[in-house]
Amino acid sequence: SALDAAPAAVRVALERRLAEEEEEATKEEEEALAAEAARAATPALSPRELNALLNNCCSVLDALHRLGMPREIVSFDAVIGAVEKWQLGATTLALLSAEHERMLRAAAETTRPEETR
């Protein structure tokens, strides 16, 4: 009957949705494991190298703040955590440096005298 078919359709739809959610969870777990493996694969830095990397990151962040980046966007605590806790120093430095370059270009464009035609 039509009433019996409706619950079956609902059951099939629910089973499909559960399968999709399980697949999404599996993908997220695989991505997390891949990120963890990438972090583990990066060679451990010596204390001196780690300190130099942290200093570089903090110097670039300070330069960003001096160029006008609000301090709420990226804090020194966040940078320290990224470098020391998560071993993401090189990535952090690359991101901060790229933003610094972008802000320098933007500042140069706003202070550049208008070109004559």
N, C-alpha and C. Protein backbone atom coordinates (compact mmCIF):
# COMPACT_ATOMS: atom_id res chain seq x y z
N SER A 1 0.83 -1.19 0.00
CA SER A 1 0.00 0.00 0.00
C SER A 1 0.87 1.24 0.00
N ALA A 2 0.25 2.41 -0.25
CA ALA A 2 0.98 3.67 -0.32
C ALA A 2 1.55 4.04 1.04
N LEU A 3 0.82 3.71 2.12
CA LEU A 3 1.31 4.03 3.46
C LEU A 3 2.55 3.21 3.81
N ASP A 4 2.58 1.97 3.36
CA ASP A 4 3.75 1.14 3.62
C ASP A 4 4.96 1.60 2.80
N ALA A 5 4.72 2.13 1.62
CA ALA A 5 5.80 2.58 0.75
C ALA A 5 6.48 3.83 1.32
N ALA A 6 5.71 4.72 1.95
CA ALA A 6 6.28 5.96 2.48
C ALA A 6 7.32 5.69 3.56
N PRO A 7 7.05 4.85 4.55
CA PRO A 7 8.08 4.57 5.54
C PRO A 7 9.32 3.91 4.91
N ALA A 8 9.13 3.09 3.89
CA ALA A 8 10.27 2.47 3.23
C ALA A 8 11.13 3.53 2.54
N ALA A 9 10.47 4.50 1.92
CA ALA A 9 11.20 5.57 1.24
C ALA A 9 11.96 6.43 2.26
N VAL A 10 11.32 6.68 3.39
CA VAL A 10 11.96 7.45 4.45
C VAL A 10 13.17 6.68 4.97
N ARG A 11 13.00 5.37 5.17
CA ARG A 11 14.10 4.53 5.66
C ARG A 11 15.28 4.57 4.68
N VAL A 12 14.99 4.46 3.39
CA VAL A 12 16.03 4.49 2.37
C VAL A 12 16.74 5.85 2.38
N ALA A 13 15.95 6.91 2.48
CA ALA A 13 16.53 8.25 2.51
C ALA A 13 17.43 8.43 3.74
N LEU A 14 16.95 7.93 4.89
CA LEU A 14 17.76 8.02 6.11
C LEU A 14 19.04 7.20 6.00
N GLU A 15 18.94 6.02 5.42
CA GLU A 15 20.12 5.18 5.24
C GLU A 15 21.13 5.85 4.33
N ARG A 16 20.65 6.49 3.27
CA ARG A 16 21.54 7.22 2.36
C ARG A 16 22.23 8.37 3.09
N ARG A 17 21.44 9.11 3.85
CA ARG A 17 22.01 10.26 4.57
C ARG A 17 23.04 9.80 5.59
N LEU A 18 22.76 8.72 6.31
CA LEU A 18 23.73 8.18 7.27
C LEU A 18 25.01 7.74 6.56
N ALA A 19 24.87 7.14 5.40
CA ALA A 19 26.04 6.71 4.64
C ALA A 19 26.86 7.92 4.19
N GLU A 20 26.17 8.98 3.76
CA GLU A 20 26.86 10.20 3.34
C GLU A 20 27.60 10.82 4.52
N GLU A 21 26.95 10.89 5.69
CA GLU A 21 27.59 11.46 6.86
C GLU A 21 28.80 10.64 7.28
N GLU A 22 28.68 9.32 7.19
CA GLU A 22 29.80 8.44 7.54
C GLU A 22 30.96 8.67 6.58
N GLU A 23 30.64 8.84 5.29
CA GLU A 23 31.67 9.09 4.29
C GLU A 23 32.36 10.42 4.55
N GLU A 24 31.58 11.47 4.90
CA GLU A 24 32.15 12.77 5.21
C GLU A 24 33.05 12.68 6.44
N ALA A 25 32.61 11.96 7.47
CA ALA A 25 33.42 11.80 8.68
C ALA A 25 34.71 11.07 8.37
N THR A 26 34.64 10.06 7.51
CA THR A 26 35.83 9.32 7.12
C THR A 26 36.81 10.22 6.39
N LYS A 27 36.31 11.07 5.48
CA LYS A 27 37.17 12.01 4.76
C LYS A 27 37.84 12.98 5.73
N GLU A 28 37.08 13.49 6.69
CA GLU A 28 37.64 14.41 7.67
C GLU A 28 38.72 13.73 8.51
N GLU A 29 38.47 12.48 8.90
CA GLU A 29 39.46 11.73 9.67
C GLU A 29 40.72 11.50 8.84
N GLU A 30 40.55 11.17 7.56
CA GLU A 30 41.70 10.95 6.68
C GLU A 30 42.51 12.24 6.52
N GLU A 31 41.82 13.38 6.37
CA GLU A 31 42.51 14.66 6.24
C GLU A 31 43.27 15.00 7.52
N ALA A 32 42.65 14.73 8.67
CA ALA A 32 43.31 15.00 9.95
C ALA A 32 44.54 14.11 10.11
N LEU A 33 44.42 12.85 9.73
CA LEU A 33 45.57 11.94 9.81
C LEU A 33 46.68 12.36 8.86
N ALA A 34 46.31 12.82 7.67
CA ALA A 34 47.32 13.28 6.71
C ALA A 34 48.05 14.51 7.23
N ALA A 35 47.31 15.42 7.84
CA ALA A 35 47.93 16.62 8.42
C ALA A 35 48.87 16.24 9.56
N GLU A 36 48.43 15.30 10.38
CA GLU A 36 49.26 14.83 11.50
C GLU A 36 50.53 14.17 10.96
N ALA A 37 50.40 13.37 9.91
CA ALA A 37 51.56 12.71 9.32
C ALA A 37 52.53 13.72 8.72
N ALA A 38 51.98 14.76 8.10
CA ALA A 38 52.83 15.80 7.52
C ALA A 38 53.61 16.52 8.61
N ARG A 39 52.94 16.80 9.73
CA ARG A 39 53.64 17.45 10.85
C ARG A 39 54.72 16.54 11.41
N ALA A 40 54.42 15.26 11.52
CA ALA A 40 55.39 14.30 12.05
C ALA A 40 56.55 14.11 11.09
N ALA A 41 56.30 14.25 9.79
CA ALA A 41 57.34 14.04 8.79
C ALA A 41 58.32 15.20 8.72
N THR A 42 57.90 16.38 9.16
CA THR A 42 58.82 17.52 9.13
C THR A 42 59.90 17.29 10.17
N PRO A 43 61.15 17.54 9.78
CA PRO A 43 62.24 17.30 10.72
C PRO A 43 62.13 18.22 11.93
N ALA A 44 62.47 17.67 13.08
CA ALA A 44 62.41 18.45 14.31
C ALA A 44 63.50 19.52 14.27
N LEU A 45 63.14 20.70 14.70
CA LEU A 45 64.09 21.79 14.74
C LEU A 45 64.86 21.75 16.05
N SER A 46 66.08 22.19 15.99
CA SER A 46 66.84 22.32 17.23
C SER A 46 66.23 23.48 18.02
N PRO A 47 66.49 23.56 19.31
CA PRO A 47 65.97 24.69 20.09
C PRO A 47 66.39 26.04 19.51
N ARG A 48 67.59 26.12 19.01
CA ARG A 48 68.08 27.38 18.42
C ARG A 48 67.29 27.73 17.16
N GLU A 49 67.06 26.71 16.30
CA GLU A 49 66.30 26.93 15.06
C GLU A 49 64.85 27.30 15.37
N LEU A 50 64.28 26.63 16.35
CA LEU A 50 62.91 26.92 16.74
C LEU A 50 62.79 28.35 17.26
N ASN A 51 63.76 28.76 18.08
CA ASN A 51 63.76 30.12 18.62
C ASN A 51 63.92 31.15 17.50
N ALA A 52 64.80 30.87 16.54
CA ALA A 52 64.98 31.79 15.42
C ALA A 52 63.70 31.90 14.59
N LEU A 53 63.05 30.78 14.36
CA LEU A 53 61.80 30.78 13.59
C LEU A 53 60.72 31.56 14.33
N LEU A 54 60.62 31.34 15.63
CA LEU A 54 59.64 32.08 16.43
C LEU A 54 59.94 33.58 16.41
N ASN A 55 61.20 33.94 16.52
CA ASN A 55 61.57 35.36 16.46
C ASN A 55 61.22 35.97 15.11
N ASN A 56 61.47 35.23 14.03
CA ASN A 56 61.12 35.73 12.70
C ASN A 56 59.62 35.94 12.56
N CYS A 57 58.85 34.96 13.02
CA CYS A 57 57.39 35.08 12.95
C CYS A 57 56.90 36.30 13.74
N CYS A 58 57.42 36.46 14.94
CA CYS A 58 56.99 37.59 15.78
C CYS A 58 57.43 38.92 15.19
N SER A 59 58.60 38.96 14.55
CA SER A 59 59.05 40.19 13.91
C SER A 59 58.14 40.59 12.76
N VAL A 60 57.76 39.60 11.95
CA VAL A 60 56.86 39.89 10.83
C VAL A 60 55.49 40.31 11.35
N LEU A 61 55.01 39.65 12.41
CA LEU A 61 53.72 40.04 12.98
C LEU A 61 53.78 41.46 13.52
N ASP A 62 54.88 41.81 14.16
CA ASP A 62 55.05 43.18 14.65
C ASP A 62 55.01 44.18 13.49
N ALA A 63 55.67 43.83 12.40
CA ALA A 63 55.65 44.70 11.21
C ALA A 63 54.24 44.84 10.66
N LEU A 64 53.48 43.75 10.67
CA LEU A 64 52.08 43.82 10.22
C LEU A 64 51.27 44.75 11.11
N HIS A 65 51.46 44.64 12.41
CA HIS A 65 50.72 45.52 13.32
C HIS A 65 51.11 46.97 13.08
N ARG A 66 52.38 47.22 12.81
CA ARG A 66 52.83 48.60 12.54
C ARG A 66 52.24 49.15 11.24
N LEU A 67 51.93 48.24 10.31
CA LEU A 67 51.31 48.66 9.05
C LEU A 67 49.80 48.85 9.18
N GLY A 68 49.26 48.50 10.34
CA GLY A 68 47.84 48.75 10.56
C GLY A 68 46.96 47.53 10.72
N MET A 69 47.54 46.34 10.69
CA MET A 69 46.71 45.15 10.91
C MET A 69 46.21 45.18 12.35
N PRO A 70 44.90 45.04 12.54
CA PRO A 70 44.38 45.03 13.92
C PRO A 70 44.97 43.85 14.70
N ARG A 71 45.30 44.11 15.95
CA ARG A 71 45.92 43.08 16.79
C ARG A 71 44.97 41.92 17.07
N GLU A 72 43.68 42.13 16.88
CA GLU A 72 42.71 41.06 17.11
C GLU A 72 42.74 40.01 16.00
N ILE A 73 43.29 40.36 14.85
CA ILE A 73 43.32 39.43 13.71
C ILE A 73 44.25 38.26 14.02
N VAL A 74 45.50 38.58 14.38
CA VAL A 74 46.48 37.55 14.74
C VAL A 74 47.22 38.06 15.97
N SER A 75 47.21 37.25 17.01
CA SER A 75 47.89 37.64 18.24
C SER A 75 49.25 36.96 18.33
N PHE A 76 50.10 37.51 19.17
CA PHE A 76 51.39 36.88 19.42
C PHE A 76 51.20 35.50 20.05
N ASP A 77 50.19 35.37 20.91
CA ASP A 77 49.91 34.06 21.52
C ASP A 77 49.57 33.03 20.46
N ALA A 78 48.81 33.42 19.45
CA ALA A 78 48.45 32.50 18.37
C ALA A 78 49.69 32.08 17.59
N VAL A 79 50.58 33.03 17.32
CA VAL A 79 51.80 32.72 16.58
C VAL A 79 52.69 31.79 17.41
N ILE A 80 52.83 32.09 18.69
CA ILE A 80 53.65 31.24 19.56
C ILE A 80 53.09 29.83 19.61
N GLY A 81 51.78 29.70 19.72
CA GLY A 81 51.16 28.38 19.72
C GLY A 81 51.37 27.64 18.42
N ALA A 82 51.23 28.34 17.31
CA ALA A 82 51.42 27.71 16.00
C ALA A 82 52.85 27.19 15.84
N VAL A 83 53.81 27.95 16.34
CA VAL A 83 55.21 27.56 16.20
C VAL A 83 55.59 26.47 17.20
N GLU A 84 55.29 26.71 18.46
CA GLU A 84 55.77 25.80 19.51
C GLU A 84 54.90 24.56 19.69
N LYS A 85 53.60 24.75 19.71
CA LYS A 85 52.71 23.62 19.99
C LYS A 85 52.42 22.78 18.76
N TRP A 86 52.12 23.44 17.65
CA TRP A 86 51.66 22.73 16.46
C TRP A 86 52.76 22.51 15.42
N GLN A 87 53.96 23.00 15.69
CA GLN A 87 55.09 22.88 14.74
C GLN A 87 54.74 23.40 13.35
N LEU A 88 54.04 24.51 13.30
CA LEU A 88 53.65 25.12 12.03
C LEU A 88 54.41 26.42 11.79
N GLY A 89 55.63 26.48 12.26
CA GLY A 89 56.42 27.71 12.16
C GLY A 89 56.67 28.14 10.74
N ALA A 90 57.11 27.22 9.88
CA ALA A 90 57.41 27.59 8.50
C ALA A 90 56.16 28.06 7.78
N THR A 91 55.05 27.38 8.00
CA THR A 91 53.78 27.78 7.39
C THR A 91 53.33 29.13 7.91
N THR A 92 53.45 29.31 9.22
CA THR A 92 53.06 30.59 9.84
C THR A 92 53.90 31.72 9.28
N LEU A 93 55.21 31.51 9.19
CA LEU A 93 56.09 32.55 8.66
C LEU A 93 55.74 32.86 7.21
N ALA A 94 55.46 31.84 6.42
CA ALA A 94 55.10 32.06 5.01
C ALA A 94 53.81 32.87 4.89
N LEU A 95 52.80 32.53 5.70
CA LEU A 95 51.53 33.26 5.66
C LEU A 95 51.69 34.71 6.12
N LEU A 96 52.41 34.90 7.22
CA LEU A 96 52.62 36.25 7.72
C LEU A 96 53.43 37.08 6.72
N SER A 97 54.45 36.47 6.14
CA SER A 97 55.29 37.19 5.17
C SER A 97 54.49 37.57 3.92
N ALA A 98 53.64 36.67 3.46
CA ALA A 98 52.82 36.97 2.28
C ALA A 98 51.87 38.13 2.57
N GLU A 99 51.28 38.13 3.75
CA GLU A 99 50.38 39.22 4.12
C GLU A 99 51.17 40.52 4.27
N HIS A 100 52.37 40.44 4.80
CA HIS A 100 53.21 41.63 4.95
C HIS A 100 53.52 42.22 3.57
N GLU A 101 53.90 41.37 2.63
CA GLU A 101 54.17 41.84 1.27
C GLU A 101 52.93 42.48 0.65
N ARG A 102 51.78 41.85 0.86
CA ARG A 102 50.53 42.40 0.31
C ARG A 102 50.24 43.77 0.91
N MET A 103 50.43 43.90 2.21
CA MET A 103 50.16 45.18 2.86
C MET A 103 51.16 46.25 2.43
N LEU A 104 52.42 45.86 2.22
CA LEU A 104 53.42 46.82 1.73
C LEU A 104 53.06 47.31 0.34
N ARG A 105 52.62 46.38 -0.54
CA ARG A 105 52.21 46.79 -1.89
C ARG A 105 51.01 47.72 -1.82
N ALA A 106 50.05 47.40 -0.98
CA ALA A 106 48.85 48.24 -0.86
C ALA A 106 49.22 49.62 -0.33
N ALA A 107 50.13 49.67 0.63
CA ALA A 107 50.56 50.95 1.18
C ALA A 107 51.30 51.76 0.12
N ALA A 108 52.12 51.09 -0.69
CA ALA A 108 52.85 51.78 -1.75
C ALA A 108 51.90 52.33 -2.81
N GLU A 109 50.86 51.59 -3.11
CA GLU A 109 49.90 52.04 -4.12
C GLU A 109 49.12 53.26 -3.64
N THR A 110 48.83 53.32 -2.35
CA THR A 110 48.06 54.45 -1.84
C THR A 110 48.91 55.69 -1.68
N THR A 111 50.23 55.53 -1.54
CA THR A 111 51.11 56.70 -1.38
C THR A 111 51.79 57.10 -2.67
N ARG A 112 51.62 56.31 -3.73
CA ARG A 112 52.24 56.61 -5.02
C ARG A 112 51.58 57.85 -5.62
N PRO A 113 52.38 58.81 -6.09
CA PRO A 113 51.77 59.99 -6.73
C PRO A 113 51.02 59.59 -7.99
N GLU A 114 49.98 60.30 -8.25
CA GLU A 114 49.17 59.98 -9.42
C GLU A 114 49.98 60.21 -10.69
N GLU A 115 49.84 59.27 -11.58
CA GLU A 115 50.57 59.38 -12.85
C GLU A 115 49.89 60.39 -13.75
N THR A 116 50.69 61.15 -14.46
CA THR A 116 50.11 62.13 -15.39
C THR A 116 49.81 61.45 -16.70
N ARG A 117 48.80 61.94 -17.36
CA ARG A 117 48.38 61.33 -18.63
C ARG A 117 48.97 62.05 -19.77
